[in-house]
Amino acid sequence: MLSQITFLILSAIGVFYFTKSIKKISRNINLGQPIDRSDNVSLRIKTMSLVALGQSKMVVRPIAGFFHILIYVGFVLINIEVLEILLDGILGTHRLFKPFLGSLYSIAIGFFELLALGVMLACVVFLSRRNVTKLKRFSGAEMKGWPIFDANAILVIELILMTALLLMNATDRSLEGNMPVSSWFKPLFAGLSDHTAHIVMLVCWWIHWIGILLFLNYVPFSKHLHIFMAFPNTYYSNLNPKGTIDNMESVTTEVKLMLDPNAVPPENYEAPAGFGAKDVKDLNWKNLMDAYSCTECGRCTSVCPANITGKLLSPRKVMMDTRDRLEELGEAIDQNKGIADYHDGKSLHDRTTAEELWACTTCNACAEACPVNISPVDIIMQMRQYQVMELSAAPSELNGMLTNLENNGAPWQFSPTDRANWIQS
C-alpha cells in the first residue's frame, strides 16, 4: 500500500507540473493575433497524417529519417508496456497483463525489447552525429550553450530509460524463457538470490517510471516539445501555395477609405494601431505555434541560399528568437499578475536584426525543408512590413524603388510621360 501511495503521489506531482507547463505554452500561443485555419478539414487531416504521423519529410534524408522513425515507432509502441507499469503502480500488481495474454506476453515483451534496442542504437547514432562527426547543420551562433546541452540531454535520458527497462526485465525472474535483449544482461545477475534480484528489479522499475515523469516535465522546456506539437502544427499548416503573400486587410481598408470620401468603414472597424510585427503579439497564433514546434534540426538553414552564401540569416535562428522572445514575454506577464495585456517594452527586433531580415530571398526553401511545416518566411515578412511601414527603415535600394513608385507610378526613375519613349528608339 505504501508503494501504491508513493507511486500515486509522484505521478500526480509529475502530471500537475506538466499540465501547468502546457497551459502556460497554450496561453503564450494565444497571445498571437487571430487567424482562421478551420477550412478544408480533410486536406488538413491528410497533411497531418503524412507529415507528422507518416514522417514523410524526414525520409528525404534517408539516414536521419530511418533512425528518427526507429525512435518514433519505439517511443509510441513501448508506451504499451508503460501502460502496464502505470496500472501495476496504481493497483499494486506485477505484470498485470501476463495472466491475460499467456504465451503471447513473452512475445510482446520480446518485441518491446527489440524496439528498445533500436531506440538505443538510434540515440547513439544521433549523439555521434552531433558530437563526433559534428554535422554542419547542427552548428551556428544560435546553437551555443543550452541548445547543445538540450539536444544531448534528451538522447541520454532516452538511453537511461531504455537501459532501466532492459535491466528490469533481466532481473525479473517471473519472466518465462530468454528475452531477445535482456537475456544478454542476465549473466551479470546470475549469482543473486531471488530476493536480491527482486530488489534490483524494483529499483529499475522505479528508475524507469520516475525517469518518464522527469522526461515528461523536461519536454515543455526543450526543443523536443515537437513530439507533441508536430501534430497540431501540421494540421494547421498554410495550405496556400508557398510564396503566396496575402494583402494586408488593414492596409486595403485604409486605402479604400482614403481614396473614397463616401466609403463607409466596415462594421466594428477599428483603425490599426500599427502595421507589421514589432513584437510576438503582432504575429498570428500559428506563427507562435511554429516557434514552439521548431525541432532546431537546421534543415531550414542548411538549404537557405542566403545562409549558404555567407549572409547572417539563419531561418532556424528566426524561429528560436521568436520562441525565446515569447517565453520572455510570458515570464514578464506571469510576474505582473498574469495580465495578458502587459508588455515589458521589449521587441522581437531586439533579437532578430534588420540585416538578417533583409537577407531573406523569400524563396521558401526553408518552409519546404521543415519536417513539421514551419514557415520562417511568414514571420520575416511581417517583421519587414514593420521595418518599412512603421520605421521607414528599408534598405536604400528598396527605398529608391518605393520613391519611384510614389512619384512615377513605376519602379523606374523615369517620368510617366517618358514611359513609352523606348518604342521610338
Protein backbone atom coordinates (compact mmCIF):
# COMPACT_ATOMS: atom_id res chain seq x y z
CA MET A 1 0.00 0.00 0.00
CA LEU A 2 2.87 2.40 0.81
CA SER A 3 4.34 1.71 -2.63
CA GLN A 4 0.99 2.48 -4.31
CA ILE A 5 0.56 5.72 -2.34
CA THR A 6 4.11 6.82 -3.21
CA PHE A 7 3.51 5.96 -6.87
CA LEU A 8 0.25 7.94 -6.97
CA ILE A 9 1.77 10.98 -5.21
CA LEU A 10 4.81 11.12 -7.53
CA SER A 11 2.64 10.59 -10.61
CA ALA A 12 0.18 13.28 -9.53
CA ILE A 13 3.01 15.77 -8.93
CA GLY A 14 4.52 14.96 -12.34
CA VAL A 15 1.20 15.33 -14.18
CA PHE A 16 0.36 18.53 -12.27
CA TYR A 17 3.56 20.32 -13.27
CA PHE A 18 3.37 19.03 -16.84
CA THR A 19 -0.20 20.32 -17.15
CA LYS A 20 0.87 23.66 -15.70
CA SER A 21 3.65 23.98 -18.30
CA ILE A 22 1.32 23.08 -21.17
CA LYS A 23 -1.25 25.64 -20.01
CA LYS A 24 1.44 28.32 -19.99
CA ILE A 25 2.54 27.39 -23.52
CA SER A 26 -1.10 27.48 -24.68
CA ARG A 27 -1.53 30.91 -23.07
CA ASN A 28 1.58 32.19 -24.82
CA ILE A 29 0.45 30.92 -28.23
CA ASN A 30 -2.93 32.59 -27.75
CA LEU A 31 -1.18 35.95 -27.28
CA GLY A 32 -0.92 35.98 -31.07
CA GLN A 33 -3.34 37.61 -33.47
CA PRO A 34 -6.35 35.58 -34.67
CA ILE A 35 -6.19 33.68 -37.95
CA ASP A 36 -8.70 31.24 -39.41
CA ARG A 37 -7.31 27.78 -40.12
CA SER A 38 -10.58 25.85 -39.89
CA ASP A 39 -11.04 25.31 -43.63
CA ASN A 40 -10.54 22.11 -45.66
CA VAL A 41 -10.57 19.65 -42.75
CA SER A 42 -9.98 16.58 -44.95
CA LEU A 43 -6.82 18.04 -46.50
CA ARG A 44 -5.58 19.13 -43.09
CA ILE A 45 -6.03 15.62 -41.70
CA LYS A 46 -4.23 14.22 -44.74
CA THR A 47 -1.34 16.68 -44.29
CA MET A 48 -1.01 15.82 -40.60
CA SER A 49 -1.14 12.09 -41.35
CA LEU A 50 1.59 12.29 -43.99
CA VAL A 51 3.94 14.80 -42.37
CA ALA A 52 3.55 14.25 -38.61
CA LEU A 53 2.38 10.65 -38.40
CA GLY A 54 3.97 9.35 -41.60
CA GLN A 55 7.25 11.30 -41.23
CA SER A 56 7.19 11.99 -44.99
CA LYS A 57 9.62 14.92 -44.82
CA MET A 58 12.07 13.14 -42.53
CA VAL A 59 12.88 10.42 -45.06
CA VAL A 60 14.06 12.99 -47.61
CA ARG A 61 17.38 12.49 -45.79
CA PRO A 62 17.35 8.65 -45.58
CA ILE A 63 19.87 8.06 -42.77
CA ALA A 64 18.41 10.59 -40.36
CA GLY A 65 14.91 9.59 -41.46
CA PHE A 66 15.46 5.88 -40.76
CA PHE A 67 16.84 6.39 -37.26
CA HIS A 68 14.25 9.03 -36.41
CA ILE A 69 11.46 6.64 -37.42
CA LEU A 70 13.14 3.97 -35.27
CA ILE A 71 12.95 6.26 -32.23
CA TYR A 72 9.45 7.40 -33.17
CA VAL A 73 8.00 3.90 -33.54
CA GLY A 74 9.81 2.71 -30.42
CA PHE A 75 8.55 5.68 -28.42
CA VAL A 76 4.94 5.00 -29.44
CA LEU A 77 4.83 1.22 -29.07
CA ILE A 78 6.90 0.91 -25.90
CA ASN A 79 4.22 3.06 -24.25
CA ILE A 80 2.05 -0.08 -24.30
CA GLU A 81 4.44 -1.59 -21.76
CA VAL A 82 4.49 1.74 -19.90
CA LEU A 83 0.70 1.41 -19.62
CA GLU A 84 1.23 -1.89 -17.78
CA ILE A 85 3.76 -0.21 -15.46
CA LEU A 86 1.23 2.54 -14.75
CA LEU A 87 -1.53 0.06 -13.90
CA ASP A 88 0.84 -2.05 -11.79
CA GLY A 89 1.81 1.05 -9.83
CA ILE A 90 -1.80 2.06 -9.21
CA LEU A 91 -3.16 -1.42 -8.42
CA GLY A 92 -0.11 -2.82 -6.63
CA THR A 93 0.14 -5.73 -9.09
CA HIS A 94 3.10 -7.14 -11.01
CA ARG A 95 2.99 -7.89 -14.75
CA LEU A 96 -0.76 -7.27 -14.83
CA PHE A 97 -1.20 -8.29 -18.49
CA LYS A 98 0.68 -11.59 -18.19
CA PRO A 99 -2.22 -13.81 -16.98
CA PHE A 100 -4.49 -12.46 -19.72
CA LEU A 101 -2.03 -12.85 -22.63
CA GLY A 102 -0.42 -16.16 -21.64
CA SER A 103 2.38 -17.19 -24.04
CA LEU A 104 1.78 -14.06 -26.14
CA TYR A 105 3.05 -11.97 -23.24
CA SER A 106 6.65 -13.14 -23.65
CA ILE A 107 6.43 -12.49 -27.38
CA ALA A 108 5.16 -8.95 -26.76
CA ILE A 109 7.89 -8.20 -24.18
CA GLY A 110 10.50 -9.58 -26.58
CA PHE A 111 9.20 -7.27 -29.33
CA PHE A 112 9.35 -4.27 -26.99
CA GLU A 113 12.93 -5.16 -26.10
CA LEU A 114 13.92 -5.17 -29.76
CA LEU A 115 12.30 -1.76 -30.11
CA ALA A 116 14.21 -0.56 -27.03
CA LEU A 117 17.45 -1.78 -28.60
CA GLY A 118 16.56 0.08 -31.80
CA VAL A 119 15.90 3.27 -29.84
CA MET A 120 19.26 2.93 -28.07
CA LEU A 121 21.05 2.38 -31.38
CA ALA A 122 19.38 5.47 -32.88
CA CYS A 123 20.31 7.57 -29.83
CA VAL A 124 23.96 6.51 -30.13
CA VAL A 125 23.95 7.38 -33.85
CA PHE A 126 22.42 10.81 -33.20
CA LEU A 127 24.86 11.53 -30.36
CA SER A 128 27.70 10.59 -32.70
CA ARG A 129 26.39 12.83 -35.50
CA ARG A 130 26.24 15.78 -33.09
CA ASN A 131 29.43 15.28 -31.11
CA VAL A 132 31.81 13.16 -33.19
CA THR A 133 31.17 13.80 -36.88
CA LYS A 134 29.73 17.25 -35.97
CA LEU A 135 27.41 17.81 -38.92
CA LYS A 136 27.49 21.42 -40.06
CA ARG A 137 23.73 21.97 -39.75
CA PHE A 138 23.94 21.34 -36.00
CA SER A 139 26.27 24.31 -35.59
CA GLY A 140 25.71 28.05 -35.76
CA ALA A 141 25.73 31.06 -33.48
CA GLU A 142 22.24 30.21 -32.23
CA MET A 143 23.31 26.68 -31.25
CA LYS A 144 25.69 27.65 -28.45
CA GLY A 145 25.09 26.69 -24.82
CA TRP A 146 21.61 25.44 -23.97
CA PRO A 147 20.64 24.12 -27.45
CA ILE A 148 23.68 21.81 -27.48
CA PHE A 149 23.01 20.60 -23.93
CA ASP A 150 19.31 20.14 -24.67
CA ALA A 151 19.90 18.03 -27.78
CA ASN A 152 22.35 15.75 -25.97
CA ALA A 153 20.37 15.58 -22.71
CA ILE A 154 17.22 14.16 -24.27
CA LEU A 155 19.20 11.44 -26.07
CA VAL A 156 20.98 10.48 -22.84
CA ILE A 157 17.66 10.40 -20.96
CA GLU A 158 16.21 8.05 -23.58
CA LEU A 159 19.28 5.78 -23.24
CA ILE A 160 18.81 5.68 -19.45
CA LEU A 161 15.09 4.88 -19.78
CA MET A 162 15.72 2.02 -22.22
CA THR A 163 18.59 0.65 -20.12
CA ALA A 164 16.41 0.65 -16.98
CA LEU A 165 13.67 -1.17 -18.92
CA LEU A 166 16.05 -3.89 -20.11
CA LEU A 167 17.68 -4.32 -16.68
CA MET A 168 14.23 -4.56 -15.13
CA ASN A 169 13.41 -7.46 -17.45
CA ALA A 170 16.82 -9.09 -16.92
CA THR A 171 16.31 -9.28 -13.13
CA ASP A 172 12.62 -10.20 -13.25
CA ARG A 173 12.65 -13.95 -12.73
CA SER A 174 8.91 -14.16 -13.25
CA LEU A 175 9.51 -13.73 -16.99
CA GLU A 176 9.50 -17.06 -18.78
CA GLY A 177 12.13 -18.00 -21.34
CA ASN A 178 15.03 -15.95 -22.64
CA MET A 179 14.21 -12.48 -23.90
CA PRO A 180 16.00 -11.36 -27.10
CA VAL A 181 17.88 -8.46 -25.45
CA SER A 182 17.58 -8.53 -21.64
CA SER A 183 18.98 -12.09 -21.61
CA TRP A 184 22.35 -10.55 -22.55
CA PHE A 185 22.43 -8.94 -19.09
CA LYS A 186 21.32 -12.00 -17.11
CA PRO A 187 24.87 -13.32 -16.51
CA LEU A 188 25.57 -10.12 -14.57
CA PHE A 189 22.87 -11.06 -12.05
CA ALA A 190 23.21 -14.86 -12.12
CA GLY A 191 24.69 -15.07 -8.61
CA LEU A 192 21.97 -13.02 -6.95
CA SER A 193 19.33 -14.60 -4.74
CA ASP A 194 15.70 -14.30 -5.80
CA HIS A 195 15.13 -11.67 -3.11
CA THR A 196 18.11 -9.53 -4.16
CA ALA A 197 17.20 -9.86 -7.85
CA HIS A 198 13.66 -8.73 -6.99
CA ILE A 199 15.01 -5.64 -5.22
CA VAL A 200 17.22 -4.78 -8.22
CA MET A 201 14.19 -5.25 -10.48
CA LEU A 202 12.12 -2.88 -8.32
CA VAL A 203 14.89 -0.27 -8.34
CA CYS A 204 15.00 -0.40 -12.16
CA TRP A 205 11.21 -0.28 -12.26
CA TRP A 206 11.16 2.90 -10.14
CA ILE A 207 14.03 4.46 -12.11
CA HIS A 208 12.12 3.86 -15.33
CA TRP A 209 8.87 5.38 -14.04
CA ILE A 210 10.47 8.37 -12.31
CA GLY A 211 12.56 8.88 -15.46
CA ILE A 212 9.35 9.02 -17.51
CA LEU A 213 7.90 11.67 -15.17
CA LEU A 214 11.10 13.73 -15.34
CA PHE A 215 11.18 13.35 -19.13
CA LEU A 216 7.55 14.46 -19.33
CA ASN A 217 8.32 17.65 -17.39
CA TYR A 218 11.56 18.34 -19.23
CA VAL A 219 9.95 18.27 -22.68
CA PRO A 220 7.99 21.59 -22.35
CA PHE A 221 11.30 23.38 -21.79
CA SER A 222 13.03 21.59 -24.64
CA LYS A 223 13.07 21.60 -28.42
CA HIS A 224 11.64 18.10 -28.06
CA LEU A 225 8.26 19.67 -27.41
CA HIS A 226 7.79 18.91 -31.11
CA ILE A 227 6.84 15.33 -30.19
CA PHE A 228 3.53 16.83 -29.04
CA MET A 229 3.38 19.98 -31.20
CA ALA A 230 4.09 18.34 -34.58
CA PHE A 231 0.52 17.07 -34.91
CA PRO A 232 -1.42 20.32 -34.34
CA ASN A 233 1.25 22.31 -36.16
CA THR A 234 0.98 20.24 -39.33
CA TYR A 235 -2.81 20.15 -39.08
CA TYR A 236 -2.93 23.97 -39.08
CA SER A 237 -0.44 24.25 -41.95
CA ASN A 238 -0.83 27.03 -44.51
CA LEU A 239 -2.50 25.22 -47.41
CA ASN A 240 -1.90 28.00 -49.93
CA PRO A 241 0.93 27.59 -52.47
CA LYS A 242 4.28 28.55 -50.97
CA GLY A 243 5.24 32.11 -51.85
CA THR A 244 1.66 33.39 -51.75
CA ILE A 245 1.58 36.72 -49.92
CA ASP A 246 -1.81 37.90 -48.73
CA ASN A 247 -2.79 41.55 -48.91
CA MET A 248 -2.82 43.24 -45.51
CA GLU A 249 -6.54 43.72 -44.90
CA SER A 250 -5.93 46.73 -42.66
CA VAL A 251 -3.92 48.48 -45.39
CA THR A 252 -6.51 47.69 -48.07
CA THR A 253 -9.30 49.09 -45.92
CA GLU A 254 -7.37 52.24 -45.02
CA VAL A 255 -6.53 52.92 -48.69
CA LYS A 256 -10.16 52.46 -49.75
CA LEU A 257 -11.34 54.83 -47.04
CA MET A 258 -8.71 57.40 -48.01
CA LEU A 259 -9.45 57.30 -51.76
CA ASP A 260 -13.24 57.32 -51.49
CA PRO A 261 -14.70 60.10 -49.30
CA ASN A 262 -18.08 58.35 -49.42
CA ALA A 263 -16.75 54.96 -48.34
CA VAL A 264 -18.29 53.52 -45.18
CA PRO A 265 -15.94 51.73 -42.74
CA PRO A 266 -16.80 48.05 -42.11
CA GLU A 267 -18.94 47.34 -39.07
CA ASN A 268 -16.96 47.46 -35.81
CA TYR A 269 -13.88 48.54 -37.76
CA GLU A 270 -11.01 49.95 -35.75
CA ALA A 271 -8.10 51.73 -37.38
CA PRO A 272 -4.91 49.67 -36.98
CA ALA A 273 -2.56 50.77 -34.22
CA GLY A 274 0.39 49.76 -36.38
CA PHE A 275 1.48 47.69 -39.34
CA GLY A 276 3.61 44.57 -39.46
CA ALA A 277 5.13 42.76 -36.49
CA LYS A 278 7.07 44.73 -33.91
CA ASP A 279 6.81 42.00 -31.28
CA VAL A 280 5.45 38.49 -30.88
CA LYS A 281 1.96 39.74 -30.02
CA ASP A 282 1.73 41.20 -33.53
CA LEU A 283 2.30 37.79 -35.10
CA ASN A 284 -0.61 35.40 -35.52
CA TRP A 285 -1.08 32.43 -33.20
CA LYS A 286 0.09 29.96 -35.88
CA ASN A 287 3.43 31.80 -36.13
CA LEU A 288 3.80 31.35 -32.37
CA MET A 289 2.83 27.68 -32.59
CA ASP A 290 5.51 27.32 -35.28
CA ALA A 291 8.06 28.73 -32.84
CA TYR A 292 7.19 26.16 -30.17
CA SER A 293 7.19 23.36 -32.77
CA CYS A 294 10.72 24.06 -34.04
CA THR A 295 12.97 21.00 -33.72
CA GLU A 296 16.18 23.02 -34.19
CA CYS A 297 17.24 20.36 -36.72
CA GLY A 298 18.77 23.00 -39.01
CA ARG A 299 17.30 21.63 -42.24
CA CYS A 300 15.87 25.07 -42.99
CA THR A 301 19.21 26.83 -42.52
CA SER A 302 21.11 24.17 -44.48
CA VAL A 303 19.06 24.88 -47.64
CA CYS A 304 18.78 28.67 -47.20
CA PRO A 305 20.59 30.32 -50.17
CA ALA A 306 21.31 33.43 -48.11
CA ASN A 307 22.95 31.39 -45.35
CA ILE A 308 24.84 29.22 -47.83
CA THR A 309 26.40 32.32 -49.40
CA GLY A 310 27.62 33.53 -46.01
CA LYS A 311 24.94 36.02 -45.09
CA LEU A 312 23.83 36.42 -41.50
CA LEU A 313 20.34 34.96 -41.95
CA SER A 314 19.50 31.62 -40.34
CA PRO A 315 15.80 30.64 -40.57
CA ARG A 316 16.31 28.40 -37.53
CA LYS A 317 17.52 31.39 -35.51
CA VAL A 318 14.44 33.38 -36.54
CA MET A 319 12.24 30.65 -35.05
CA MET A 320 14.40 30.31 -31.93
CA ASP A 321 14.39 34.11 -31.46
CA THR A 322 10.59 34.12 -31.72
CA ARG A 323 10.20 31.31 -29.19
CA ASP A 324 12.72 32.84 -26.76
CA ARG A 325 11.08 36.27 -27.00
CA LEU A 326 7.65 34.69 -26.45
CA GLU A 327 8.93 32.87 -23.38
CA GLU A 328 10.46 36.11 -22.11
CA LEU A 329 7.20 38.00 -22.55
CA GLY A 330 5.25 35.13 -20.94
CA GLU A 331 7.52 35.29 -17.88
CA ALA A 332 7.02 39.07 -17.67
CA ILE A 333 3.23 38.58 -17.80
CA ASP A 334 3.43 35.98 -15.01
CA GLN A 335 5.45 38.37 -12.87
CA ASN A 336 2.77 41.02 -13.37
CA LYS A 337 -0.21 39.09 -12.03
CA GLY A 338 -0.88 37.30 -15.31
CA ILE A 339 -2.24 40.39 -17.04
CA ALA A 340 -2.32 39.36 -20.72
CA ASP A 341 -2.17 42.97 -21.94
CA TYR A 342 1.05 43.63 -20.05
CA HIS A 343 4.08 44.44 -22.18
CA ASP A 344 7.66 44.74 -20.98
CA GLY A 345 8.67 47.31 -23.61
CA LYS A 346 11.00 44.94 -25.44
CA SER A 347 10.76 43.90 -29.08
CA LEU A 348 11.34 40.90 -31.32
CA HIS A 349 13.58 43.20 -33.38
CA ASP A 350 15.95 43.35 -30.40
CA ARG A 351 16.81 39.71 -31.17
CA THR A 352 16.48 39.43 -34.97
CA THR A 353 18.39 42.18 -36.76
CA ALA A 354 17.43 44.08 -39.91
CA GLU A 355 20.45 42.57 -41.65
CA GLU A 356 19.04 39.10 -41.09
CA LEU A 357 15.54 40.06 -42.22
CA TRP A 358 16.63 41.69 -45.48
CA ALA A 359 18.97 38.84 -46.41
CA CYS A 360 15.92 36.60 -46.99
CA THR A 361 15.09 35.97 -50.67
CA THR A 362 11.58 34.69 -49.78
CA CYS A 363 12.29 31.54 -51.82
CA ASN A 364 10.57 29.36 -49.16
CA ALA A 365 13.27 26.67 -49.33
CA CYS A 366 13.20 26.69 -45.52
CA ALA A 367 9.44 26.05 -45.38
CA GLU A 368 9.77 23.25 -47.94
CA ALA A 369 12.55 21.54 -45.95
CA CYS A 370 10.97 21.83 -42.49
CA PRO A 371 9.83 18.40 -41.22
CA VAL A 372 6.90 19.94 -39.30
CA ASN A 373 5.73 22.55 -41.86
CA ILE A 374 7.08 25.68 -40.15
CA SER A 375 7.26 28.88 -42.22
CA PRO A 376 10.05 31.26 -41.08
CA VAL A 377 9.37 33.40 -44.17
CA ASP A 378 5.93 34.37 -42.83
CA ILE A 379 7.49 35.83 -39.69
CA ILE A 380 10.28 37.51 -41.66
CA MET A 381 7.78 39.20 -43.99
CA GLN A 382 5.71 40.57 -41.11
CA MET A 383 8.83 41.93 -39.43
CA ARG A 384 9.89 43.52 -42.73
CA GLN A 385 6.49 45.17 -43.01
CA TYR A 386 7.06 46.78 -39.62
CA GLN A 387 10.52 47.96 -40.69
CA VAL A 388 9.13 49.60 -43.85
CA MET A 389 5.72 50.86 -42.77
CA GLU A 390 6.49 51.96 -39.23
CA LEU A 391 10.20 52.79 -39.19
CA SER A 392 10.81 53.64 -42.87
CA ALA A 393 13.93 51.58 -42.38
CA ALA A 394 14.12 49.67 -45.66
CA PRO A 395 17.46 49.19 -47.47
CA SER A 396 18.47 52.09 -49.71
CA GLU A 397 17.81 50.05 -52.87
CA LEU A 398 14.25 49.36 -51.77
CA ASN A 399 13.69 52.94 -50.62
CA GLY A 400 14.68 54.12 -54.09
CA MET A 401 12.16 51.82 -55.70
CA LEU A 402 9.40 52.89 -53.29
CA THR A 403 10.15 56.55 -54.01
CA ASN A 404 9.90 55.87 -57.75
CA LEU A 405 6.58 54.09 -57.26
CA GLU A 406 5.27 57.05 -55.29
CA ASN A 407 6.47 59.74 -57.71
CA ASN A 408 6.45 57.97 -61.08
CA GLY A 409 3.92 55.17 -60.67
CA ALA A 410 6.59 52.62 -61.62
CA PRO A 411 9.79 51.18 -60.10
CA TRP A 412 11.98 53.04 -62.60
CA GLN A 413 13.33 56.58 -62.35
CA PHE A 414 11.51 57.89 -65.41
CA SER A 415 8.65 60.33 -65.70
CA PRO A 416 5.32 58.70 -66.65
CA THR A 417 5.29 60.87 -69.77
CA ASP A 418 8.54 59.27 -70.93
CA ARG A 419 7.42 55.69 -70.27
CA ALA A 420 6.79 54.83 -73.95
CA ASN A 421 9.91 56.52 -75.35
CA TRP A 422 11.59 53.16 -75.87
CA ILE A 423 9.16 52.47 -78.75
CA GLN A 424 10.68 55.29 -80.80
CA SER A 425 14.23 54.01 -80.49
